[in-house]
Amino acid sequence: MARAPSSPSTSIVLTPIDLEQITRRDRPTAQARILRLLGIPFVLHPTDGNLIVSRAAAEAVLGAPIGAAPVQSQGYEVNVDGIRTQGQTTAAQ
């Protein structure tokens, strides 16, 4: 019985596209370097040298599901003039 391919969101490992999006690199050696810097564990596939990254491990490190919609801004604005004024008042004291 043939197994239906799993969709990227339900796969237990990251897809090549997921890896490119996270690392912004397309070569496995460059992806490995970025994953190490991010603290995301991976193993090398024994036959082709491609990276195997557990979706759960990546999501645990990144703090959000891979492929999730970005968090929308709350509409807050930074009061730059207030920060400048506060900095000038503190410096004058």
PDB file of N, CA and C in Angstrom:
ATOM      1  N   MET A   1       0.846  -1.179   0.000  1.00  0.00           N
ATOM      2  CA  MET A   1       0.000   0.000   0.000  1.00  0.00           C
ATOM      3  C   MET A   1       0.891   1.241   0.000  1.00  0.00           C
ATOM      4  N   ALA A   2       0.685   2.118  -0.954  1.00  0.00           N
ATOM      5  CA  ALA A   2       1.500   3.334  -1.066  1.00  0.00           C
ATOM      6  C   ALA A   2       1.048   4.365  -0.047  1.00  0.00           C
ATOM      7  N   ARG A   3       2.033   5.044   0.490  1.00  0.00           N
ATOM      8  CA  ARG A   3       1.743   6.085   1.471  1.00  0.00           C
ATOM      9  C   ARG A   3       1.587   7.418   0.771  1.00  0.00           C
ATOM     10  N   ALA A   4       0.599   8.184   1.176  1.00  0.00           N
ATOM     11  CA  ALA A   4       0.417   9.520   0.607  1.00  0.00           C
ATOM     12  C   ALA A   4       1.502  10.426   1.163  1.00  0.00           C
ATOM     13  N   PRO A   5       2.065  11.289   0.325  1.00  0.00           N
ATOM     14  CA  PRO A   5       3.091  12.196   0.832  1.00  0.00           C
ATOM     15  C   PRO A   5       2.494  13.134   1.868  1.00  0.00           C
ATOM     16  N   SER A   6       3.242  13.370   2.918  1.00  0.00           N
ATOM     17  CA  SER A   6       2.743  14.265   3.962  1.00  0.00           C
ATOM     18  C   SER A   6       2.947  15.707   3.532  1.00  0.00           C
ATOM     19  N   SER A   7       2.066  16.556   3.982  1.00  0.00           N
ATOM     20  CA  SER A   7       2.214  17.977   3.660  1.00  0.00           C
ATOM     21  C   SER A   7       3.337  18.543   4.506  1.00  0.00           C
ATOM     22  N   PRO A   8       3.963  19.631   4.066  1.00  0.00           N
ATOM     23  CA  PRO A   8       5.087  20.195   4.806  1.00  0.00           C
ATOM     24  C   PRO A   8       4.755  20.521   6.254  1.00  0.00           C
ATOM     25  N   SER A   9       3.524  20.935   6.535  1.00  0.00           N
ATOM     26  CA  SER A   9       3.191  21.323   7.899  1.00  0.00           C
ATOM     27  C   SER A   9       3.057  20.125   8.828  1.00  0.00           C
ATOM     28  N   THR A  10       2.868  18.911   8.278  1.00  0.00           N
ATOM     29  CA  THR A  10       2.735  17.740   9.130  1.00  0.00           C
ATOM     30  C   THR A  10       3.962  16.841   9.089  1.00  0.00           C
ATOM     31  N   SER A  11       4.921  17.144   8.250  1.00  0.00           N
ATOM     32  CA  SER A  11       6.134  16.343   8.154  1.00  0.00           C
ATOM     33  C   SER A  11       6.939  16.465   9.446  1.00  0.00           C
ATOM     34  N   ILE A  12       7.584  15.381   9.857  1.00  0.00           N
ATOM     35  CA  ILE A  12       8.375  15.443  11.088  1.00  0.00           C
ATOM     36  C   ILE A  12       9.728  16.109  10.874  1.00  0.00           C
ATOM     37  N   VAL A  13      10.116  16.275   9.610  1.00  0.00           N
ATOM     38  CA  VAL A  13      11.375  16.965   9.308  1.00  0.00           C
ATOM     39  C   VAL A  13      11.093  18.174   8.426  1.00  0.00           C
ATOM     40  N   LEU A  14      11.996  19.140   8.472  1.00  0.00           N
ATOM     41  CA  LEU A  14      11.847  20.330   7.647  1.00  0.00           C
ATOM     42  C   LEU A  14      12.109  20.000   6.187  1.00  0.00           C
ATOM     43  N   THR A  15      11.392  20.655   5.316  1.00  0.00           N
ATOM     44  CA  THR A  15      11.592  20.486   3.880  1.00  0.00           C
ATOM     45  C   THR A  15      12.797  21.319   3.447  1.00  0.00           C
ATOM     46  N   PRO A  16      13.345  21.042   2.264  1.00  0.00           N
ATOM     47  CA  PRO A  16      14.430  21.894   1.751  1.00  0.00           C
ATOM     48  C   PRO A  16      14.021  23.368   1.672  1.00  0.00           C
ATOM     49  N   ILE A  17      12.767  23.627   1.342  1.00  0.00           N
ATOM     50  CA  ILE A  17      12.284  25.013   1.284  1.00  0.00           C
ATOM     51  C   ILE A  17      12.284  25.633   2.676  1.00  0.00           C
ATOM     52  N   ASP A  18      11.835  24.872   3.695  1.00  0.00           N
ATOM     53  CA  ASP A  18      11.867  25.366   5.076  1.00  0.00           C
ATOM     54  C   ASP A  18      13.292  25.742   5.472  1.00  0.00           C
ATOM     55  N   LEU A  19      14.250  24.863   5.139  1.00  0.00           N
ATOM     56  CA  LEU A  19      15.648  25.123   5.499  1.00  0.00           C
ATOM     57  C   LEU A  19      16.169  26.385   4.822  1.00  0.00           C
ATOM     58  N   GLU A  20      15.813  26.581   3.560  1.00  0.00           N
ATOM     59  CA  GLU A  20      16.252  27.792   2.853  1.00  0.00           C
ATOM     60  C   GLU A  20      15.633  29.040   3.462  1.00  0.00           C
ATOM     61  N   GLN A  21      14.369  28.950   3.883  1.00  0.00           N
ATOM     62  CA  GLN A  21      13.717  30.109   4.490  1.00  0.00           C
ATOM     63  C   GLN A  21      14.329  30.454   5.840  1.00  0.00           C
ATOM     64  N   ILE A  22      14.647  29.453   6.630  1.00  0.00           N
ATOM     65  CA  ILE A  22      15.212  29.700   7.959  1.00  0.00           C
ATOM     66  C   ILE A  22      16.643  30.209   7.866  1.00  0.00           C
ATOM     67  N   THR A  23      17.445  29.578   7.016  1.00  0.00           N
ATOM     68  CA  THR A  23      18.878  29.907   6.966  1.00  0.00           C
ATOM     69  C   THR A  23      19.220  30.981   5.947  1.00  0.00           C
ATOM     70  N   ARG A  24      18.336  31.178   4.984  1.00  0.00           N
ATOM     71  CA  ARG A  24      18.596  32.091   3.857  1.00  0.00           C
ATOM     72  C   ARG A  24      19.837  31.664   3.074  1.00  0.00           C
ATOM     73  N   ARG A  25      20.052  30.370   3.049  1.00  0.00           N
ATOM     74  CA  ARG A  25      21.162  29.771   2.302  1.00  0.00           C
ATOM     75  C   ARG A  25      20.626  28.575   1.534  1.00  0.00           C
ATOM     76  N   ASP A  26      21.282  28.234   0.401  1.00  0.00           N
ATOM     77  CA  ASP A  26      20.811  27.082  -0.364  1.00  0.00           C
ATOM     78  C   ASP A  26      21.770  25.895  -0.339  1.00  0.00           C
ATOM     79  N   ARG A  27      23.013  26.097   0.056  1.00  0.00           N
ATOM     80  CA  ARG A  27      23.976  24.989   0.140  1.00  0.00           C
ATOM     81  C   ARG A  27      23.949  24.371   1.542  1.00  0.00           C
ATOM     82  N   PRO A  28      23.956  23.041   1.619  1.00  0.00           N
ATOM     83  CA  PRO A  28      23.914  22.383   2.926  1.00  0.00           C
ATOM     84  C   PRO A  28      25.025  22.823   3.885  1.00  0.00           C
ATOM     85  N   THR A  29      26.234  23.077   3.382  1.00  0.00           N
ATOM     86  CA  THR A  29      27.312  23.500   4.291  1.00  0.00           C
ATOM     87  C   THR A  29      27.007  24.866   4.901  1.00  0.00           C
ATOM     88  N   ALA A  30      26.470  25.768   4.100  1.00  0.00           N
ATOM     89  CA  ALA A  30      26.108  27.094   4.611  1.00  0.00           C
ATOM     90  C   ALA A  30      24.903  26.995   5.544  1.00  0.00           C
ATOM     91  N   GLN A  31      23.945  26.138   5.204  1.00  0.00           N
ATOM     92  CA  GLN A  31      22.785  25.940   6.070  1.00  0.00           C
ATOM     93  C   GLN A  31      23.213  25.385   7.423  1.00  0.00           C
ATOM     94  N   ALA A  32      24.152  24.433   7.413  1.00  0.00           N
ATOM     95  CA  ALA A  32      24.647  23.844   8.659  1.00  0.00           C
ATOM     96  C   ALA A  32      25.288  24.906   9.539  1.00  0.00           C
ATOM     97  N   ARG A  33      26.052  25.803   8.945  1.00  0.00           N
ATOM     98  CA  ARG A  33      26.702  26.875   9.707  1.00  0.00           C
ATOM     99  C   ARG A  33      25.650  27.752  10.397  1.00  0.00           C
ATOM    100  N   ILE A  34      24.607  28.127   9.677  1.00  0.00           N
ATOM    101  CA  ILE A  34      23.562  28.978  10.248  1.00  0.00           C
ATOM    102  C   ILE A  34      22.781  28.222  11.320  1.00  0.00           C
ATOM    103  N   LEU A  35      22.462  26.964  11.071  1.00  0.00           N
ATOM    104  CA  LEU A  35      21.735  26.178  12.070  1.00  0.00           C
ATOM    105  C   LEU A  35      22.534  26.058  13.361  1.00  0.00           C
ATOM    106  N   ARG A  36      23.854  25.878  13.251  1.00  0.00           N
ATOM    107  CA  ARG A  36      24.703  25.829  14.457  1.00  0.00           C
ATOM    108  C   ARG A  36      24.618  27.143  15.225  1.00  0.00           C
ATOM    109  N   LEU A  37      24.688  28.262  14.494  1.00  0.00           N
ATOM    110  CA  LEU A  37      24.607  29.577  15.139  1.00  0.00           C
ATOM    111  C   LEU A  37      23.258  29.789  15.826  1.00  0.00           C
ATOM    112  N   LEU A  38      22.201  29.258  15.234  1.00  0.00           N
ATOM    113  CA  LEU A  38      20.868  29.387  15.814  1.00  0.00           C
ATOM    114  C   LEU A  38      20.625  28.386  16.944  1.00  0.00           C
ATOM    115  N   GLY A  39      21.475  27.376  17.050  1.00  0.00           N
ATOM    116  CA  GLY A  39      21.294  26.354  18.076  1.00  0.00           C
ATOM    117  C   GLY A  39      20.264  25.302  17.706  1.00  0.00           C
ATOM    118  N   ILE A  40      20.023  25.130  16.414  1.00  0.00           N
ATOM    119  CA  ILE A  40      19.058  24.133  15.945  1.00  0.00           C
ATOM    120  C   ILE A  40      19.819  22.855  15.588  1.00  0.00           C
ATOM    121  N   PRO A  41      19.522  21.740  16.273  1.00  0.00           N
ATOM    122  CA  PRO A  41      20.248  20.492  15.995  1.00  0.00           C
ATOM    123  C   PRO A  41      19.860  19.899  14.641  1.00  0.00           C
ATOM    124  N   PHE A  42      20.817  19.220  14.031  1.00  0.00           N
ATOM    125  CA  PHE A  42      20.586  18.581  12.736  1.00  0.00           C
ATOM    126  C   PHE A  42      21.527  17.404  12.597  1.00  0.00           C
ATOM    127  N   VAL A  43      21.222  16.537  11.629  1.00  0.00           N
ATOM    128  CA  VAL A  43      22.125  15.448  11.248  1.00  0.00           C
ATOM    129  C   VAL A  43      22.249  15.477   9.731  1.00  0.00           C
ATOM    130  N   LEU A  44      23.324  14.892   9.243  1.00  0.00           N
ATOM    131  CA  LEU A  44      23.527  14.789   7.797  1.00  0.00           C
ATOM    132  C   LEU A  44      22.957  13.473   7.295  1.00  0.00           C
ATOM    133  N   HIS A  45      22.276  13.532   6.171  1.00  0.00           N
ATOM    134  CA  HIS A  45      21.773  12.307   5.550  1.00  0.00           C
ATOM    135  C   HIS A  45      22.986  11.501   5.090  1.00  0.00           C
ATOM    136  N   PRO A  46      23.033  10.204   5.371  1.00  0.00           N
ATOM    137  CA  PRO A  46      24.233   9.419   5.073  1.00  0.00           C
ATOM    138  C   PRO A  46      24.544   9.230   3.590  1.00  0.00           C
ATOM    139  N   THR A  47      23.560   9.347   2.717  1.00  0.00           N
ATOM    140  CA  THR A  47      23.836   9.085   1.303  1.00  0.00           C
ATOM    141  C   THR A  47      24.053  10.327   0.459  1.00  0.00           C
ATOM    142  N   ASP A  48      23.407  11.431   0.811  1.00  0.00           N
ATOM    143  CA  ASP A  48      23.530  12.608  -0.052  1.00  0.00           C
ATOM    144  C   ASP A  48      24.081  13.850   0.645  1.00  0.00           C
ATOM    145  N   GLY A  49      24.285  13.791   1.957  1.00  0.00           N
ATOM    146  CA  GLY A  49      24.867  14.926   2.668  1.00  0.00           C
ATOM    147  C   GLY A  49      23.902  16.063   2.955  1.00  0.00           C
ATOM    148  N   ASN A  50      22.629  15.893   2.582  1.00  0.00           N
ATOM    149  CA  ASN A  50      21.649  16.928   2.906  1.00  0.00           C
ATOM    150  C   ASN A  50      21.352  16.914   4.397  1.00  0.00           C
ATOM    151  N   LEU A  51      20.867  18.039   4.898  1.00  0.00           N
ATOM    152  CA  LEU A  51      20.580  18.163   6.320  1.00  0.00           C
ATOM    153  C   LEU A  51      19.212  17.597   6.656  1.00  0.00           C
ATOM    154  N   ILE A  52      19.133  16.961   7.804  1.00  0.00           N
ATOM    155  CA  ILE A  52      17.861  16.490   8.339  1.00  0.00           C
ATOM    156  C   ILE A  52      17.645  17.244   9.643  1.00  0.00           C
ATOM    157  N   VAL A  53      16.547  17.990   9.696  1.00  0.00           N
ATOM    158  CA  VAL A  53      16.239  18.806  10.868  1.00  0.00           C
ATOM    159  C   VAL A  53      14.841  18.443  11.346  1.00  0.00           C
ATOM    160  N   SER A  54      14.732  18.089  12.608  1.00  0.00           N
ATOM    161  CA  SER A  54      13.436  17.787  13.195  1.00  0.00           C
ATOM    162  C   SER A  54      12.601  19.064  13.268  1.00  0.00           C
ATOM    163  N   ARG A  55      11.372  18.991  12.776  1.00  0.00           N
ATOM    164  CA  ARG A  55      10.470  20.145  12.837  1.00  0.00           C
ATOM    165  C   ARG A  55      10.254  20.570  14.291  1.00  0.00           C
ATOM    166  N   ALA A  56      10.060  19.601  15.185  1.00  0.00           N
ATOM    167  CA  ALA A  56       9.813  19.917  16.592  1.00  0.00           C
ATOM    168  C   ALA A  56      11.008  20.630  17.215  1.00  0.00           C
ATOM    169  N   ALA A  57      12.229  20.186  16.896  1.00  0.00           N
ATOM    170  CA  ALA A  57      13.426  20.824  17.454  1.00  0.00           C
ATOM    171  C   ALA A  57      13.565  22.253  16.948  1.00  0.00           C
ATOM    172  N   ALA A  58      13.329  22.459  15.656  1.00  0.00           N
ATOM    173  CA  ALA A  58      13.432  23.805  15.087  1.00  0.00           C
ATOM    174  C   ALA A  58      12.379  24.722  15.690  1.00  0.00           C
ATOM    175  N   GLU A  59      11.149  24.221  15.829  1.00  0.00           N
ATOM    176  CA  GLU A  59      10.085  25.039  16.404  1.00  0.00           C
ATOM    177  C   GLU A  59      10.362  25.355  17.866  1.00  0.00           C
ATOM    178  N   ALA A  60      10.962  24.413  18.595  1.00  0.00           N
ATOM    179  CA  ALA A  60      11.284  24.662  19.998  1.00  0.00           C
ATOM    180  C   ALA A  60      12.306  25.785  20.129  1.00  0.00           C
ATOM    181  N   VAL A  61      13.313  25.789  19.266  1.00  0.00           N
ATOM    182  CA  VAL A  61      14.346  26.827  19.317  1.00  0.00           C
ATOM    183  C   VAL A  61      13.793  28.165  18.839  1.00  0.00           C
ATOM    184  N   LEU A  62      13.026  28.138  17.756  1.00  0.00           N
ATOM    185  CA  LEU A  62      12.529  29.382  17.170  1.00  0.00           C
ATOM    186  C   LEU A  62      11.308  29.936  17.897  1.00  0.00           C
ATOM    187  N   GLY A  63      10.622  29.097  18.669  1.00  0.00           N
ATOM    188  CA  GLY A  63       9.496  29.569  19.463  1.00  0.00           C
ATOM    189  C   GLY A  63       8.193  29.724  18.713  1.00  0.00           C
ATOM    190  N   ALA A  64       8.110  29.220  17.496  1.00  0.00           N
ATOM    191  CA  ALA A  64       6.872  29.312  16.722  1.00  0.00           C
ATOM    192  C   ALA A  64       6.859  28.203  15.683  1.00  0.00           C
ATOM    193  N   PRO A  65       5.676  27.775  15.296  1.00  0.00           N
ATOM    194  CA  PRO A  65       5.600  26.763  14.244  1.00  0.00           C
ATOM    195  C   PRO A  65       6.213  27.266  12.940  1.00  0.00           C
ATOM    196  N   ILE A  66       6.933  26.401  12.258  1.00  0.00           N
ATOM    197  CA  ILE A  66       7.526  26.749  10.969  1.00  0.00           C
ATOM    198  C   ILE A  66       6.393  26.968   9.974  1.00  0.00           C
ATOM    199  N   GLY A  67       6.458  28.069   9.254  1.00  0.00           N
ATOM    200  CA  GLY A  67       5.431  28.379   8.273  1.00  0.00           C
ATOM    201  C   GLY A  67       4.218  29.073   8.855  1.00  0.00           C
ATOM    202  N   ALA A  68       4.244  29.394  10.152  1.00  0.00           N
ATOM    203  CA  ALA A  68       3.113  30.096  10.764  1.00  0.00           C
ATOM    204  C   ALA A  68       3.052  31.527  10.254  1.00  0.00           C
ATOM    205  N   ALA A  69       1.867  32.081  10.291  1.00  0.00           N
ATOM    206  CA  ALA A  69       1.699  33.469   9.853  1.00  0.00           C
ATOM    207  C   ALA A  69       2.451  34.387  10.806  1.00  0.00           C
ATOM    208  N   PRO A  70       3.075  35.436  10.289  1.00  0.00           N
ATOM    209  CA  PRO A  70       3.791  36.355  11.162  1.00  0.00           C
ATOM    210  C   PRO A  70       2.846  37.054  12.131  1.00  0.00           C
ATOM    211  N   VAL A  71       3.369  37.394  13.284  1.00  0.00           N
ATOM    212  CA  VAL A  71       2.578  38.094  14.297  1.00  0.00           C
ATOM    213  C   VAL A  71       2.300  39.501  13.803  1.00  0.00           C
ATOM    214  N   GLN A  72       1.047  39.891  13.883  1.00  0.00           N
ATOM    215  CA  GLN A  72       0.660  41.222  13.436  1.00  0.00           C
ATOM    216  C   GLN A  72       1.050  42.270  14.470  1.00  0.00           C
ATOM    217  N   SER A  73       1.436  43.423  13.998  1.00  0.00           N
ATOM    218  CA  SER A  73       1.796  44.533  14.869  1.00  0.00           C
ATOM    219  C   SER A  73       0.571  44.988  15.649  1.00  0.00           C
ATOM    220  N   GLN A  74       0.789  45.422  16.881  1.00  0.00           N
ATOM    221  CA  GLN A  74      -0.293  45.919  17.711  1.00  0.00           C
ATOM    222  C   GLN A  74      -0.634  47.368  17.403  1.00  0.00           C
ATOM    223  N   GLY A  75       0.121  47.989  16.510  1.00  0.00           N
ATOM    224  CA  GLY A  75      -0.155  49.365  16.142  1.00  0.00           C
ATOM    225  C   GLY A  75       0.514  50.379  17.056  1.00  0.00           C
ATOM    226  N   TYR A  76       1.435  49.933  17.893  1.00  0.00           N
ATOM    227  CA  TYR A  76       2.146  50.855  18.768  1.00  0.00           C
ATOM    228  C   TYR A  76       3.194  51.611  17.968  1.00  0.00           C
ATOM    229  N   GLU A  77       3.429  52.839  18.362  1.00  0.00           N
ATOM    230  CA  GLU A  77       4.462  53.635  17.722  1.00  0.00           C
ATOM    231  C   GLU A  77       5.454  54.095  18.778  1.00  0.00           C
ATOM    232  N   VAL A  78       6.706  54.154  18.406  1.00  0.00           N
ATOM    233  CA  VAL A  78       7.749  54.610  19.316  1.00  0.00           C
ATOM    234  C   VAL A  78       7.754  56.134  19.325  1.00  0.00           C
ATOM    235  N   ASN A  79       7.754  56.724  20.529  1.00  0.00           N
ATOM    236  CA  ASN A  79       7.803  58.176  20.679  1.00  0.00           C
ATOM    237  C   ASN A  79       9.272  58.594  20.713  1.00  0.00           C
ATOM    238  N   VAL A  80       9.849  58.786  19.527  1.00  0.00           N
ATOM    239  CA  VAL A  80      11.267  59.115  19.408  1.00  0.00           C
ATOM    240  C   VAL A  80      11.561  60.467  20.047  1.00  0.00           C
ATOM    241  N   ASP A  81      10.669  61.448  19.866  1.00  0.00           N
ATOM    242  CA  ASP A  81      10.881  62.770  20.473  1.00  0.00           C
ATOM    243  C   ASP A  81      10.916  62.670  21.992  1.00  0.00           C
ATOM    244  N   GLY A  82      10.058  61.842  22.555  1.00  0.00           N
ATOM    245  CA  GLY A  82      10.054  61.652  24.003  1.00  0.00           C
ATOM    246  C   GLY A  82      11.348  61.022  24.491  1.00  0.00           C
ATOM    247  N   ILE A  83      11.880  60.089  23.729  1.00  0.00           N
ATOM    248  CA  ILE A  83      13.149  59.457  24.095  1.00  0.00           C
ATOM    249  C   ILE A  83      14.274  60.477  24.027  1.00  0.00           C
ATOM    250  N   ARG A  84      14.282  61.296  22.990  1.00  0.00           N
ATOM    251  CA  ARG A  84      15.318  62.323  22.862  1.00  0.00           C
ATOM    252  C   ARG A  84      15.232  63.321  24.006  1.00  0.00           C
ATOM    253  N   THR A  85      14.016  63.761  24.329  1.00  0.00           N
ATOM    254  CA  THR A  85      13.821  64.721  25.414  1.00  0.00           C
ATOM    255  C   THR A  85      14.291  64.122  26.734  1.00  0.00           C
ATOM    256  N   GLN A  86      13.944  62.871  26.981  1.00  0.00           N
ATOM    257  CA  GLN A  86      14.355  62.200  28.219  1.00  0.00           C
ATOM    258  C   GLN A  86      15.874  62.096  28.281  1.00  0.00           C
ATOM    259  N   GLY A  87      16.507  61.794  27.169  1.00  0.00           N
ATOM    260  CA  GLY A  87      17.967  61.694  27.131  1.00  0.00           C
ATOM    261  C   GLY A  87      18.632  63.023  27.401  1.00  0.00           C
ATOM    262  N   GLN A  88      18.065  64.111  26.898  1.00  0.00           N
ATOM    263  CA  GLN A  88      18.629  65.443  27.126  1.00  0.00           C
ATOM    264  C   GLN A  88      18.453  65.854  28.575  1.00  0.00           C
ATOM    265  N   THR A  89      17.311  65.526  29.183  1.00  0.00           N
ATOM    266  CA  THR A  89      17.056  65.875  30.575  1.00  0.00           C
ATOM    267  C   THR A  89      18.015  65.123  31.487  1.00  0.00           C
ATOM    268  N   THR A  90      18.244  63.865  31.215  1.00  0.00           N
ATOM    269  CA  THR A  90      19.144  63.050  32.026  1.00  0.00           C
ATOM    270  C   THR A  90      20.579  63.546  31.895  1.00  0.00           C
ATOM    271  N   ALA A  91      20.995  63.929  30.702  1.00  0.00           N
ATOM    272  CA  ALA A  91      22.359  64.402  30.476  1.00  0.00           C
ATOM    273  C   ALA A  91      22.602  65.742  31.155  1.00  0.00           C
ATOM    274  N   ALA A  92      21.568  66.575  31.277  1.00  0.00           N
ATOM    275  CA  ALA A  92      21.711  67.899  31.885  1.00  0.00           C
ATOM    276  C   ALA A  92      21.861  67.809  33.396  1.00  0.00           C
ATOM    277  N   GLN A  93      21.421  66.737  34.008  1.00  0.00           N
ATOM    278  CA  GLN A  93      21.470  66.629  35.475  1.00  0.00           C
ATOM    279  C   GLN A  93      22.830  66.364  35.952  1.00  0.00           C
TER     280      GLN A  93
END
